[in-house]
Amino acid sequence: MYKKMLNILLLIISLFILASCNTNGGKTNSGNATYTSISSNTPADFYTRDGNKIFFGRYPQKKITDENLIKDLNTKAGSLPSPSLKFKWSSYDYYMEGNIASYMYYQDIDYDNDGLYDYRGVYLKAYRPHNYNNASPTTNAIQETNGYLTDIVYWFSYDKIEWDILAGAMGQAVIITNMILDSQDFYPSKLDQKFNHNGNIGYTSNYELSNIRKWLNDNFYNTAFNNFEKELINITNVDNKRNNEYECNNTQDKIYLLSLTEANTYYSNIKERQAKGSDYANSQGLFTVVKQIYSPYLGYSCWWLRSPSDQLTSLEIITDGKIIGADSSDSSRGVRPACNIKL
């Protein structure tokens, strides 16, 4: 009798605990952040789908124009950085005159104290050269053309990332960001022979050894996704065959760039390959058509593929959707991350 009553009591306690969890939507707390346990939810709980679009992860994108909000964010950010004293700011560690230098800074702010970043501030002390070996431009700087000046803090909101579904089957989908989210060089070098970099020997255009591959699977991956969203991203066997002497080994990646073959396979015509950059990407020095004389390409930018053109150049999609080779050390080319996720 006692054992039976104990079992009933334990059942009541279990039901009470379950009910308590359900009132929080199956969420668990970790510090100030509230996360959803993936073990009690389906993959679809971590993204929103609208037809051929998926909204998944967060990244700085839209420029803030509200003056009161900007003033408040500037106050929260505190003192401005310098090469010797960065305060709350971090240097992007971008290249200038062949060396990493502190002249562009960022700071992320959790505005509502929920454990997630809401805004990123960008501060330029000098314009970013589009080539790693150049000095900071004093005229016709890409960032200046895009509307971003030195000695001013610009703020960008962390927004849900919009992805296009390129292919899907068996509960998985290949997706690519709808917009160009950032601007990065492929690899900062102009060496036209094989050399030792990032752990092996290869050309500047070698995707396996490239800085952009490291950036995608470290910087972007850890900025855009929380731990539970990361569980939805499959590791992909990235095929890097190019059938020329500049191809590299296949790689195992979570985030990657499209190849020449994939760009031709997933897009039925060149116009579908055209893409525009986010405000944040433009602040990083993304080349963007801003003059009416270049219409109908107004607002469009160039973005990298992972396939090599030759030892010094990698392929890119240009503003009209065509594919050409670009200097691998050019930082004005955009990044459209791609990945394979569980649906």
C-alpha atoms as a PDB file:
ATOM      1  CA  MET A   1       0.000   0.000   0.000  1.00  0.00           C
ATOM      2  CA  TYR A   2       2.819   2.373   0.980  1.00  0.00           C
ATOM      3  CA  LYS A   3       4.672   1.581  -2.272  1.00  0.00           C
ATOM      4  CA  LYS A   4       1.544   2.274  -4.342  1.00  0.00           C
ATOM      5  CA  MET A   5       0.970   5.650  -2.661  1.00  0.00           C
ATOM      6  CA  LEU A   6       4.638   6.561  -3.233  1.00  0.00           C
ATOM      7  CA  ASN A   7       4.323   5.774  -6.949  1.00  0.00           C
ATOM      8  CA  ILE A   8       1.207   7.952  -7.215  1.00  0.00           C
ATOM      9  CA  LEU A   9       2.989  10.788  -5.418  1.00  0.00           C
ATOM     10  CA  LEU A  10       5.986  10.535  -7.761  1.00  0.00           C
ATOM     11  CA  LEU A  11       3.638  10.591 -10.782  1.00  0.00           C
ATOM     12  CA  ILE A  12       1.939  13.754  -9.496  1.00  0.00           C
ATOM     13  CA  ILE A  13       5.314  15.432  -8.961  1.00  0.00           C
ATOM     14  CA  SER A  14       6.446  14.459 -12.475  1.00  0.00           C
ATOM     15  CA  LEU A  15       3.280  15.869 -14.032  1.00  0.00           C
ATOM     16  CA  PHE A  16       3.717  19.080 -12.061  1.00  0.00           C
ATOM     17  CA  ILE A  17       7.311  19.469 -13.299  1.00  0.00           C
ATOM     18  CA  LEU A  18       6.247  18.772 -16.894  1.00  0.00           C
ATOM     19  CA  ALA A  19       3.475  21.359 -16.665  1.00  0.00           C
ATOM     20  CA  SER A  20       5.931  23.905 -15.280  1.00  0.00           C
ATOM     21  CA  CYS A  21       8.294  23.301 -18.201  1.00  0.00           C
ATOM     22  CA  ASN A  22       5.489  23.667 -20.720  1.00  0.00           C
ATOM     23  CA  THR A  23       4.534  27.092 -19.385  1.00  0.00           C
ATOM     24  CA  ASN A  24       8.008  28.206 -20.517  1.00  0.00           C
ATOM     25  CA  GLY A  25       7.574  26.767 -23.991  1.00  0.00           C
ATOM     26  CA  GLY A  26      10.121  24.024 -23.363  1.00  0.00           C
ATOM     27  CA  LYS A  27      12.855  26.597 -22.755  1.00  0.00           C
ATOM     28  CA  THR A  28      15.788  26.397 -20.399  1.00  0.00           C
ATOM     29  CA  ASN A  29      17.810  29.261 -18.985  1.00  0.00           C
ATOM     30  CA  SER A  30      21.567  29.704 -19.233  1.00  0.00           C
ATOM     31  CA  GLY A  31      22.790  32.893 -17.582  1.00  0.00           C
ATOM     32  CA  ASN A  32      20.768  35.793 -18.968  1.00  0.00           C
ATOM     33  CA  ALA A  33      19.932  33.964 -22.188  1.00  0.00           C
ATOM     34  CA  THR A  34      16.843  31.820 -22.776  1.00  0.00           C
ATOM     35  CA  TYR A  35      17.376  28.885 -25.125  1.00  0.00           C
ATOM     36  CA  THR A  36      15.152  26.134 -26.409  1.00  0.00           C
ATOM     37  CA  SER A  37      16.270  22.563 -25.814  1.00  0.00           C
ATOM     38  CA  ILE A  38      16.645  20.861 -29.192  1.00  0.00           C
ATOM     39  CA  SER A  39      15.922  17.480 -27.627  1.00  0.00           C
ATOM     40  CA  SER A  40      12.306  18.510 -26.989  1.00  0.00           C
ATOM     41  CA  ASN A  41      11.720  20.327 -30.269  1.00  0.00           C
ATOM     42  CA  THR A  42      11.767  19.698 -33.999  1.00  0.00           C
ATOM     43  CA  PRO A  43      14.336  21.381 -36.302  1.00  0.00           C
ATOM     44  CA  ALA A  44      11.604  23.700 -37.574  1.00  0.00           C
ATOM     45  CA  ASP A  45      11.447  25.320 -34.115  1.00  0.00           C
ATOM     46  CA  PHE A  46      14.788  26.955 -34.879  1.00  0.00           C
ATOM     47  CA  TYR A  47      13.977  28.568 -38.202  1.00  0.00           C
ATOM     48  CA  THR A  48      11.038  30.101 -40.053  1.00  0.00           C
ATOM     49  CA  ARG A  49      10.188  28.930 -43.545  1.00  0.00           C
ATOM     50  CA  ASP A  50       8.225  30.895 -46.128  1.00  0.00           C
ATOM     51  CA  GLY A  51       7.994  28.994 -49.417  1.00  0.00           C
ATOM     52  CA  ASN A  52      11.513  28.808 -50.844  1.00  0.00           C
ATOM     53  CA  LYS A  53      12.902  31.064 -48.108  1.00  0.00           C
ATOM     54  CA  ILE A  54      14.294  30.144 -44.687  1.00  0.00           C
ATOM     55  CA  PHE A  55      15.020  32.628 -41.906  1.00  0.00           C
ATOM     56  CA  PHE A  56      17.754  31.140 -39.774  1.00  0.00           C
ATOM     57  CA  GLY A  57      20.488  32.606 -37.567  1.00  0.00           C
ATOM     58  CA  ARG A  58      21.282  36.291 -36.960  1.00  0.00           C
ATOM     59  CA  TYR A  59      23.915  38.682 -38.305  1.00  0.00           C
ATOM     60  CA  PRO A  60      24.475  42.472 -38.391  1.00  0.00           C
ATOM     61  CA  GLN A  61      22.666  43.799 -41.451  1.00  0.00           C
ATOM     62  CA  LYS A  62      20.554  46.981 -41.355  1.00  0.00           C
ATOM     63  CA  LYS A  63      21.980  50.415 -40.601  1.00  0.00           C
ATOM     64  CA  ILE A  64      20.353  52.178 -37.633  1.00  0.00           C
ATOM     65  CA  THR A  65      19.068  55.674 -38.430  1.00  0.00           C
ATOM     66  CA  ASP A  66      17.088  56.476 -35.251  1.00  0.00           C
ATOM     67  CA  GLU A  67      19.081  59.328 -33.681  1.00  0.00           C
ATOM     68  CA  ASN A  68      17.883  58.663 -30.133  1.00  0.00           C
ATOM     69  CA  LEU A  69      18.820  54.990 -30.374  1.00  0.00           C
ATOM     70  CA  ILE A  70      22.219  55.878 -31.860  1.00  0.00           C
ATOM     71  CA  LYS A  71      22.860  58.290 -28.978  1.00  0.00           C
ATOM     72  CA  ASP A  72      21.931  55.620 -26.434  1.00  0.00           C
ATOM     73  CA  LEU A  73      24.115  52.999 -28.131  1.00  0.00           C
ATOM     74  CA  ASN A  74      27.063  55.402 -28.258  1.00  0.00           C
ATOM     75  CA  THR A  75      26.692  55.960 -24.528  1.00  0.00           C
ATOM     76  CA  LYS A  76      26.645  52.210 -23.865  1.00  0.00           C
ATOM     77  CA  ALA A  77      29.677  51.713 -26.109  1.00  0.00           C
ATOM     78  CA  GLY A  78      31.770  54.134 -24.053  1.00  0.00           C
ATOM     79  CA  SER A  79      35.124  55.563 -25.099  1.00  0.00           C
ATOM     80  CA  LEU A  80      36.287  55.280 -28.689  1.00  0.00           C
ATOM     81  CA  PRO A  81      39.214  52.960 -29.430  1.00  0.00           C
ATOM     82  CA  SER A  82      42.746  53.683 -30.569  1.00  0.00           C
ATOM     83  CA  PRO A  83      45.598  51.371 -31.627  1.00  0.00           C
ATOM     84  CA  SER A  84      47.016  51.522 -28.090  1.00  0.00           C
ATOM     85  CA  LEU A  85      43.774  51.442 -26.079  1.00  0.00           C
ATOM     86  CA  LYS A  86      40.719  49.647 -27.443  1.00  0.00           C
ATOM     87  CA  PHE A  87      38.402  49.904 -24.401  1.00  0.00           C
ATOM     88  CA  LYS A  88      35.286  47.776 -25.194  1.00  0.00           C
ATOM     89  CA  TRP A  89      36.074  47.652 -28.910  1.00  0.00           C
ATOM     90  CA  SER A  90      37.726  44.906 -30.957  1.00  0.00           C
ATOM     91  CA  SER A  91      39.911  45.432 -34.001  1.00  0.00           C
ATOM     92  CA  TYR A  92      38.873  43.681 -37.207  1.00  0.00           C
ATOM     93  CA  ASP A  93      42.571  42.996 -37.786  1.00  0.00           C
ATOM     94  CA  TYR A  94      42.270  43.859 -41.453  1.00  0.00           C
ATOM     95  CA  TYR A  95      45.375  44.258 -43.605  1.00  0.00           C
ATOM     96  CA  MET A  96      46.978  47.527 -44.619  1.00  0.00           C
ATOM     97  CA  GLU A  97      50.289  47.847 -46.465  1.00  0.00           C
ATOM     98  CA  GLY A  98      50.930  44.130 -46.144  1.00  0.00           C
ATOM     99  CA  ASN A  99      50.372  43.877 -42.386  1.00  0.00           C
ATOM    100  CA  ILE A 100      47.465  43.433 -39.997  1.00  0.00           C
ATOM    101  CA  ALA A 101      46.635  46.849 -38.539  1.00  0.00           C
ATOM    102  CA  SER A 102      44.152  48.356 -36.080  1.00  0.00           C
ATOM    103  CA  TYR A 103      42.171  50.968 -37.973  1.00  0.00           C
ATOM    104  CA  MET A 104      38.656  49.444 -38.109  1.00  0.00           C
ATOM    105  CA  TYR A 105      36.841  48.405 -34.940  1.00  0.00           C
ATOM    106  CA  TYR A 106      33.572  46.814 -33.881  1.00  0.00           C
ATOM    107  CA  GLN A 107      31.572  46.352 -30.702  1.00  0.00           C
ATOM    108  CA  ASP A 108      28.501  44.166 -30.106  1.00  0.00           C
ATOM    109  CA  ILE A 109      25.848  45.242 -27.606  1.00  0.00           C
ATOM    110  CA  ASP A 110      23.152  43.208 -25.877  1.00  0.00           C
ATOM    111  CA  TYR A 111      20.681  46.089 -25.636  1.00  0.00           C
ATOM    112  CA  ASP A 112      17.867  44.313 -23.782  1.00  0.00           C
ATOM    113  CA  ASN A 113      20.086  42.080 -21.602  1.00  0.00           C
ATOM    114  CA  ASP A 114      18.621  38.801 -22.873  1.00  0.00           C
ATOM    115  CA  GLY A 115      22.001  37.200 -23.609  1.00  0.00           C
ATOM    116  CA  LEU A 116      21.841  37.875 -27.372  1.00  0.00           C
ATOM    117  CA  TYR A 117      23.556  40.679 -29.260  1.00  0.00           C
ATOM    118  CA  ASP A 118      21.153  43.205 -30.760  1.00  0.00           C
ATOM    119  CA  TYR A 119      23.465  45.772 -32.373  1.00  0.00           C
ATOM    120  CA  ARG A 120      26.983  46.022 -33.776  1.00  0.00           C
ATOM    121  CA  GLY A 121      28.873  49.297 -33.854  1.00  0.00           C
ATOM    122  CA  VAL A 122      31.485  49.934 -36.572  1.00  0.00           C
ATOM    123  CA  TYR A 123      34.138  52.609 -36.170  1.00  0.00           C
ATOM    124  CA  LEU A 124      36.579  53.569 -38.919  1.00  0.00           C
ATOM    125  CA  LYS A 125      39.775  55.470 -38.195  1.00  0.00           C
ATOM    126  CA  ALA A 126      40.867  54.914 -41.793  1.00  0.00           C
ATOM    127  CA  TYR A 127      39.346  53.454 -44.952  1.00  0.00           C
ATOM    128  CA  ARG A 128      39.956  49.818 -45.746  1.00  0.00           C
ATOM    129  CA  PRO A 129      42.166  49.294 -48.805  1.00  0.00           C
ATOM    130  CA  HIS A 130      40.586  46.889 -51.282  1.00  0.00           C
ATOM    131  CA  ASN A 131      43.989  45.241 -51.692  1.00  0.00           C
ATOM    132  CA  TYR A 132      45.869  44.009 -48.632  1.00  0.00           C
ATOM    133  CA  ASN A 133      49.181  45.528 -49.779  1.00  0.00           C
ATOM    134  CA  ASN A 134      47.828  49.052 -50.316  1.00  0.00           C
ATOM    135  CA  ALA A 135      47.756  52.016 -47.960  1.00  0.00           C
ATOM    136  CA  SER A 136      44.442  53.425 -46.808  1.00  0.00           C
ATOM    137  CA  PRO A 137      42.920  55.334 -49.743  1.00  0.00           C
ATOM    138  CA  THR A 138      42.469  59.065 -49.289  1.00  0.00           C
ATOM    139  CA  THR A 139      40.230  59.509 -52.340  1.00  0.00           C
ATOM    140  CA  ASN A 140      37.592  57.307 -53.985  1.00  0.00           C
ATOM    141  CA  ALA A 141      37.535  54.906 -51.031  1.00  0.00           C
ATOM    142  CA  ILE A 142      34.872  52.222 -51.478  1.00  0.00           C
ATOM    143  CA  GLN A 143      33.482  52.736 -47.971  1.00  0.00           C
ATOM    144  CA  GLU A 144      33.227  56.469 -48.568  1.00  0.00           C
ATOM    145  CA  THR A 145      31.425  55.845 -51.865  1.00  0.00           C
ATOM    146  CA  ASN A 146      29.046  53.559 -49.966  1.00  0.00           C
ATOM    147  CA  GLY A 147      28.249  56.392 -47.533  1.00  0.00           C
ATOM    148  CA  TYR A 148      30.513  55.519 -44.572  1.00  0.00           C
ATOM    149  CA  LEU A 149      32.981  58.102 -43.271  1.00  0.00           C
ATOM    150  CA  THR A 150      35.867  57.925 -40.827  1.00  0.00           C
ATOM    151  CA  ASP A 151      35.616  59.003 -37.153  1.00  0.00           C
ATOM    152  CA  ILE A 152      31.899  58.200 -36.978  1.00  0.00           C
ATOM    153  CA  VAL A 153      30.331  55.201 -35.230  1.00  0.00           C
ATOM    154  CA  TYR A 154      27.717  53.419 -37.355  1.00  0.00           C
ATOM    155  CA  TRP A 155      25.295  50.951 -35.789  1.00  0.00           C
ATOM    156  CA  PHE A 156      23.707  47.894 -37.407  1.00  0.00           C
ATOM    157  CA  SER A 157      20.936  45.659 -36.100  1.00  0.00           C
ATOM    158  CA  TYR A 158      21.362  41.919 -35.684  1.00  0.00           C
ATOM    159  CA  ASP A 159      18.595  40.580 -37.947  1.00  0.00           C
ATOM    160  CA  LYS A 160      17.370  37.139 -38.912  1.00  0.00           C
ATOM    161  CA  ILE A 161      19.325  35.891 -41.921  1.00  0.00           C
ATOM    162  CA  GLU A 162      17.253  35.231 -45.029  1.00  0.00           C
ATOM    163  CA  TRP A 163      18.375  32.145 -46.973  1.00  0.00           C
ATOM    164  CA  ASP A 164      17.305  30.848 -50.385  1.00  0.00           C
ATOM    165  CA  ILE A 165      16.694  27.109 -50.699  1.00  0.00           C
ATOM    166  CA  LEU A 166      18.792  25.876 -53.619  1.00  0.00           C
ATOM    167  CA  ALA A 167      17.972  22.165 -53.345  1.00  0.00           C
ATOM    168  CA  GLY A 168      16.235  19.885 -50.890  1.00  0.00           C
ATOM    169  CA  ALA A 169      15.584  16.174 -50.319  1.00  0.00           C
ATOM    170  CA  MET A 170      15.400  13.569 -47.538  1.00  0.00           C
ATOM    171  CA  GLY A 171      14.775  16.141 -44.801  1.00  0.00           C
ATOM    172  CA  GLN A 172      17.761  18.303 -45.755  1.00  0.00           C
ATOM    173  CA  ALA A 173      18.283  21.459 -47.787  1.00  0.00           C
ATOM    174  CA  VAL A 174      21.169  23.326 -49.396  1.00  0.00           C
ATOM    175  CA  ILE A 175      20.709  27.019 -48.627  1.00  0.00           C
ATOM    176  CA  ILE A 176      22.548  30.256 -49.429  1.00  0.00           C
ATOM    177  CA  THR A 177      22.099  33.715 -47.950  1.00  0.00           C
ATOM    178  CA  ASN A 178      19.818  35.879 -50.033  1.00  0.00           C
ATOM    179  CA  MET A 179      22.044  38.906 -49.522  1.00  0.00           C
ATOM    180  CA  ILE A 180      25.783  39.423 -49.470  1.00  0.00           C
ATOM    181  CA  LEU A 181      26.418  39.618 -45.713  1.00  0.00           C
ATOM    182  CA  ASP A 182      30.060  40.664 -45.542  1.00  0.00           C
ATOM    183  CA  SER A 183      33.121  41.638 -47.551  1.00  0.00           C
ATOM    184  CA  GLN A 184      36.346  39.613 -47.200  1.00  0.00           C
ATOM    185  CA  ASP A 185      39.448  38.803 -49.186  1.00  0.00           C
ATOM    186  CA  PHE A 186      39.944  35.193 -50.308  1.00  0.00           C
ATOM    187  CA  TYR A 187      43.547  35.153 -49.133  1.00  0.00           C
ATOM    188  CA  PRO A 188      45.832  38.179 -48.566  1.00  0.00           C
ATOM    189  CA  SER A 189      48.717  37.384 -50.879  1.00  0.00           C
ATOM    190  CA  LYS A 190      49.973  38.040 -54.391  1.00  0.00           C
ATOM    191  CA  LEU A 191      52.432  35.147 -54.582  1.00  0.00           C
ATOM    192  CA  ASP A 192      52.030  33.427 -57.960  1.00  0.00           C
ATOM    193  CA  GLN A 193      53.777  30.197 -56.900  1.00  0.00           C
ATOM    194  CA  LYS A 194      52.873  27.539 -54.340  1.00  0.00           C
ATOM    195  CA  PHE A 195      53.758  28.484 -50.766  1.00  0.00           C
ATOM    196  CA  ASN A 196      53.196  27.232 -47.221  1.00  0.00           C
ATOM    197  CA  HIS A 197      50.110  28.789 -45.621  1.00  0.00           C
ATOM    198  CA  ASN A 198      47.388  27.714 -43.210  1.00  0.00           C
ATOM    199  CA  GLY A 199      49.026  24.349 -42.635  1.00  0.00           C
ATOM    200  CA  ASN A 200      49.891  23.169 -46.129  1.00  0.00           C
ATOM    201  CA  ILE A 201      51.350  24.150 -49.489  1.00  0.00           C
ATOM    202  CA  GLY A 202      49.200  25.645 -52.232  1.00  0.00           C
ATOM    203  CA  TYR A 203      48.460  28.650 -54.399  1.00  0.00           C
ATOM    204  CA  THR A 204      46.780  31.855 -53.230  1.00  0.00           C
ATOM    205  CA  SER A 205      43.518  30.654 -54.814  1.00  0.00           C
ATOM    206  CA  ASN A 206      43.549  27.344 -52.875  1.00  0.00           C
ATOM    207  CA  TYR A 207      40.169  27.211 -51.110  1.00  0.00           C
ATOM    208  CA  GLU A 208      41.237  24.506 -48.660  1.00  0.00           C
ATOM    209  CA  LEU A 209      43.974  26.799 -47.301  1.00  0.00           C
ATOM    210  CA  SER A 210      42.154  30.096 -47.759  1.00  0.00           C
ATOM    211  CA  ASN A 211      41.449  32.664 -45.062  1.00  0.00           C
ATOM    212  CA  ILE A 212      37.869  32.954 -46.253  1.00  0.00           C
ATOM    213  CA  ARG A 213      37.205  29.283 -45.477  1.00  0.00           C
ATOM    214  CA  LYS A 214      38.544  29.813 -41.945  1.00  0.00           C
ATOM    215  CA  TRP A 215      36.434  32.955 -41.597  1.00  0.00           C
ATOM    216  CA  LEU A 216      33.250  31.169 -42.683  1.00  0.00           C
ATOM    217  CA  ASN A 217      33.662  28.240 -40.289  1.00  0.00           C
ATOM    218  CA  ASP A 218      34.857  30.284 -37.337  1.00  0.00           C
ATOM    219  CA  ASN A 219      33.971  33.972 -37.338  1.00  0.00           C
ATOM    220  CA  PHE A 220      30.706  33.804 -39.283  1.00  0.00           C
ATOM    221  CA  TYR A 221      29.590  30.431 -37.875  1.00  0.00           C
ATOM    222  CA  ASN A 222      30.082  31.487 -34.248  1.00  0.00           C
ATOM    223  CA  THR A 223      28.568  34.933 -34.757  1.00  0.00           C
ATOM    224  CA  ALA A 224      25.466  33.883 -36.673  1.00  0.00           C
ATOM    225  CA  PHE A 225      24.272  30.784 -34.773  1.00  0.00           C
ATOM    226  CA  ASN A 226      23.645  29.758 -31.184  1.00  0.00           C
ATOM    227  CA  ASN A 227      24.514  26.257 -29.987  1.00  0.00           C
ATOM    228  CA  PHE A 228      21.100  24.841 -30.816  1.00  0.00           C
ATOM    229  CA  GLU A 229      21.013  26.300 -34.334  1.00  0.00           C
ATOM    230  CA  LYS A 230      24.480  24.855 -34.919  1.00  0.00           C
ATOM    231  CA  GLU A 231      23.061  21.371 -34.328  1.00  0.00           C
ATOM    232  CA  LEU A 232      20.925  21.766 -37.458  1.00  0.00           C
ATOM    233  CA  ILE A 233      23.907  22.451 -39.729  1.00  0.00           C
ATOM    234  CA  ASN A 234      25.292  19.319 -41.376  1.00  0.00           C
ATOM    235  CA  ILE A 235      28.972  18.841 -42.098  1.00  0.00           C
ATOM    236  CA  THR A 236      29.229  18.839 -45.889  1.00  0.00           C
ATOM    237  CA  ASN A 237      31.778  17.053 -48.052  1.00  0.00           C
ATOM    238  CA  VAL A 238      32.721  20.075 -50.155  1.00  0.00           C
ATOM    239  CA  ASP A 239      33.807  19.060 -53.645  1.00  0.00           C
ATOM    240  CA  ASN A 240      36.723  21.275 -54.689  1.00  0.00           C
ATOM    241  CA  LYS A 241      37.552  19.631 -58.024  1.00  0.00           C
ATOM    242  CA  ARG A 242      38.154  22.118 -60.836  1.00  0.00           C
ATOM    243  CA  ASN A 243      39.917  19.893 -63.380  1.00  0.00           C
ATOM    244  CA  ASN A 244      42.918  22.198 -63.576  1.00  0.00           C
ATOM    245  CA  GLU A 245      46.268  22.417 -61.815  1.00  0.00           C
ATOM    246  CA  TYR A 246      44.917  24.882 -59.248  1.00  0.00           C
ATOM    247  CA  GLU A 247      42.217  22.670 -57.733  1.00  0.00           C
ATOM    248  CA  CYS A 248      42.565  21.645 -54.079  1.00  0.00           C
ATOM    249  CA  ASN A 249      41.536  18.750 -51.844  1.00  0.00           C
ATOM    250  CA  ASN A 250      37.910  18.287 -50.877  1.00  0.00           C
ATOM    251  CA  THR A 251      37.024  19.728 -47.469  1.00  0.00           C
ATOM    252  CA  GLN A 252      34.635  18.902 -44.635  1.00  0.00           C
ATOM    253  CA  ASP A 253      32.840  22.161 -43.808  1.00  0.00           C
ATOM    254  CA  LYS A 254      29.798  23.459 -41.994  1.00  0.00           C
ATOM    255  CA  ILE A 255      29.720  26.706 -43.979  1.00  0.00           C
ATOM    256  CA  TYR A 256      31.152  27.112 -47.475  1.00  0.00           C
ATOM    257  CA  LEU A 257      31.086  29.075 -50.716  1.00  0.00           C
ATOM    258  CA  LEU A 258      29.431  27.799 -53.877  1.00  0.00           C
ATOM    259  CA  SER A 259      31.621  26.337 -56.621  1.00  0.00           C
ATOM    260  CA  LEU A 260      31.514  27.161 -60.326  1.00  0.00           C
ATOM    261  CA  THR A 261      29.587  23.929 -60.969  1.00  0.00           C
ATOM    262  CA  GLU A 262      27.075  24.651 -58.211  1.00  0.00           C
ATOM    263  CA  ALA A 263      26.524  28.240 -59.368  1.00  0.00           C
ATOM    264  CA  ASN A 264      25.731  26.960 -62.866  1.00  0.00           C
ATOM    265  CA  THR A 265      23.574  24.102 -61.540  1.00  0.00           C
ATOM    266  CA  TYR A 266      21.480  25.942 -58.953  1.00  0.00           C
ATOM    267  CA  TYR A 267      20.807  29.061 -61.051  1.00  0.00           C
ATOM    268  CA  SER A 268      19.074  28.669 -64.392  1.00  0.00           C
ATOM    269  CA  ASN A 269      20.237  32.053 -65.717  1.00  0.00           C
ATOM    270  CA  ILE A 270      22.802  34.706 -64.867  1.00  0.00           C
ATOM    271  CA  LYS A 271      20.235  37.204 -63.585  1.00  0.00           C
ATOM    272  CA  GLU A 272      19.316  34.804 -60.775  1.00  0.00           C
ATOM    273  CA  ARG A 273      22.935  34.993 -59.620  1.00  0.00           C
ATOM    274  CA  GLN A 274      22.858  38.770 -59.131  1.00  0.00           C
ATOM    275  CA  ALA A 275      22.957  39.821 -55.476  1.00  0.00           C
ATOM    276  CA  LYS A 276      22.909  42.948 -53.346  1.00  0.00           C
ATOM    277  CA  GLY A 277      24.793  43.544 -50.138  1.00  0.00           C
ATOM    278  CA  SER A 278      23.523  44.442 -46.683  1.00  0.00           C
ATOM    279  CA  ASP A 279      24.231  47.836 -45.141  1.00  0.00           C
ATOM    280  CA  TYR A 280      26.776  46.135 -42.909  1.00  0.00           C
ATOM    281  CA  ALA A 281      28.575  44.552 -45.874  1.00  0.00           C
ATOM    282  CA  ASN A 282      28.801  47.978 -47.501  1.00  0.00           C
ATOM    283  CA  SER A 283      30.377  49.371 -44.332  1.00  0.00           C
ATOM    284  CA  GLN A 284      33.112  46.719 -44.651  1.00  0.00           C
ATOM    285  CA  GLY A 285      34.124  47.935 -48.095  1.00  0.00           C
ATOM    286  CA  LEU A 286      31.950  45.848 -50.423  1.00  0.00           C
ATOM    287  CA  PHE A 287      32.115  47.095 -54.006  1.00  0.00           C
ATOM    288  CA  THR A 288      28.581  48.196 -54.860  1.00  0.00           C
ATOM    289  CA  VAL A 289      27.243  49.905 -57.969  1.00  0.00           C
ATOM    290  CA  VAL A 290      25.995  53.251 -56.647  1.00  0.00           C
ATOM    291  CA  LYS A 291      25.921  55.428 -59.766  1.00  0.00           C
ATOM    292  CA  GLN A 292      22.923  55.563 -62.057  1.00  0.00           C
ATOM    293  CA  ILE A 293      25.199  55.411 -65.106  1.00  0.00           C
ATOM    294  CA  TYR A 294      25.698  51.683 -64.431  1.00  0.00           C
ATOM    295  CA  SER A 295      21.970  50.904 -64.353  1.00  0.00           C
ATOM    296  CA  PRO A 296      20.452  48.241 -64.524  1.00  0.00           C
ATOM    297  CA  TYR A 297      23.140  46.999 -62.114  1.00  0.00           C
ATOM    298  CA  LEU A 298      22.471  49.724 -59.539  1.00  0.00           C
ATOM    299  CA  GLY A 299      22.805  48.335 -56.011  1.00  0.00           C
ATOM    300  CA  TYR A 300      24.366  45.031 -57.093  1.00  0.00           C
ATOM    301  CA  SER A 301      27.735  43.749 -55.894  1.00  0.00           C
ATOM    302  CA  CYS A 302      30.259  40.999 -56.649  1.00  0.00           C
ATOM    303  CA  TRP A 303      30.523  37.806 -54.587  1.00  0.00           C
ATOM    304  CA  TRP A 304      33.046  34.983 -54.301  1.00  0.00           C
ATOM    305  CA  LEU A 305      32.860  31.414 -55.512  1.00  0.00           C
ATOM    306  CA  ARG A 306      35.320  28.900 -54.072  1.00  0.00           C
ATOM    307  CA  SER A 307      36.655  27.650 -57.416  1.00  0.00           C
ATOM    308  CA  PRO A 308      40.050  28.924 -58.617  1.00  0.00           C
ATOM    309  CA  SER A 309      40.574  30.744 -61.889  1.00  0.00           C
ATOM    310  CA  ASP A 310      44.370  30.565 -61.786  1.00  0.00           C
ATOM    311  CA  GLN A 311      47.063  30.669 -59.106  1.00  0.00           C
ATOM    312  CA  LEU A 312      46.338  34.297 -58.165  1.00  0.00           C
ATOM    313  CA  THR A 313      42.630  34.647 -58.864  1.00  0.00           C
ATOM    314  CA  SER A 314      39.424  33.016 -57.664  1.00  0.00           C
ATOM    315  CA  LEU A 315      36.115  33.028 -59.475  1.00  0.00           C
ATOM    316  CA  GLU A 316      33.409  35.511 -58.594  1.00  0.00           C
ATOM    317  CA  ILE A 317      29.891  36.452 -59.647  1.00  0.00           C
ATOM    318  CA  ILE A 318      29.964  40.047 -60.867  1.00  0.00           C
ATOM    319  CA  THR A 319      27.191  42.645 -60.819  1.00  0.00           C
ATOM    320  CA  ASP A 320      25.537  41.432 -64.032  1.00  0.00           C
ATOM    321  CA  GLY A 321      25.589  37.786 -62.884  1.00  0.00           C
ATOM    322  CA  LYS A 322      28.479  36.662 -65.096  1.00  0.00           C
ATOM    323  CA  ILE A 323      31.420  34.653 -63.727  1.00  0.00           C
ATOM    324  CA  ILE A 324      34.997  35.939 -64.023  1.00  0.00           C
ATOM    325  CA  GLY A 325      38.282  35.689 -62.115  1.00  0.00           C
ATOM    326  CA  ALA A 326      39.182  38.214 -59.410  1.00  0.00           C
ATOM    327  CA  ASP A 327      42.361  38.938 -57.467  1.00  0.00           C
ATOM    328  CA  SER A 328      42.230  36.631 -54.420  1.00  0.00           C
ATOM    329  CA  SER A 329      43.578  39.407 -52.195  1.00  0.00           C
ATOM    330  CA  ASP A 330      40.719  41.800 -53.047  1.00  0.00           C
ATOM    331  CA  SER A 331      38.727  42.602 -49.900  1.00  0.00           C
ATOM    332  CA  SER A 332      35.930  44.382 -51.789  1.00  0.00           C
ATOM    333  CA  ARG A 333      34.344  41.104 -52.917  1.00  0.00           C
ATOM    334  CA  GLY A 334      31.295  39.859 -51.043  1.00  0.00           C
ATOM    335  CA  VAL A 335      30.473  36.715 -49.128  1.00  0.00           C
ATOM    336  CA  ARG A 336      27.263  34.711 -49.485  1.00  0.00           C
ATOM    337  CA  PRO A 337      27.621  31.780 -47.055  1.00  0.00           C
ATOM    338  CA  ALA A 338      26.029  28.456 -47.989  1.00  0.00           C
ATOM    339  CA  CYS A 339      25.343  25.358 -45.891  1.00  0.00           C
ATOM    340  CA  ASN A 340      23.311  22.162 -45.634  1.00  0.00           C
ATOM    341  CA  ILE A 341      20.708  22.051 -42.857  1.00  0.00           C
ATOM    342  CA  LYS A 342      18.225  19.586 -41.385  1.00  0.00           C
ATOM    343  CA  LEU A 343      14.622  20.430 -42.143  1.00  0.00           C
END
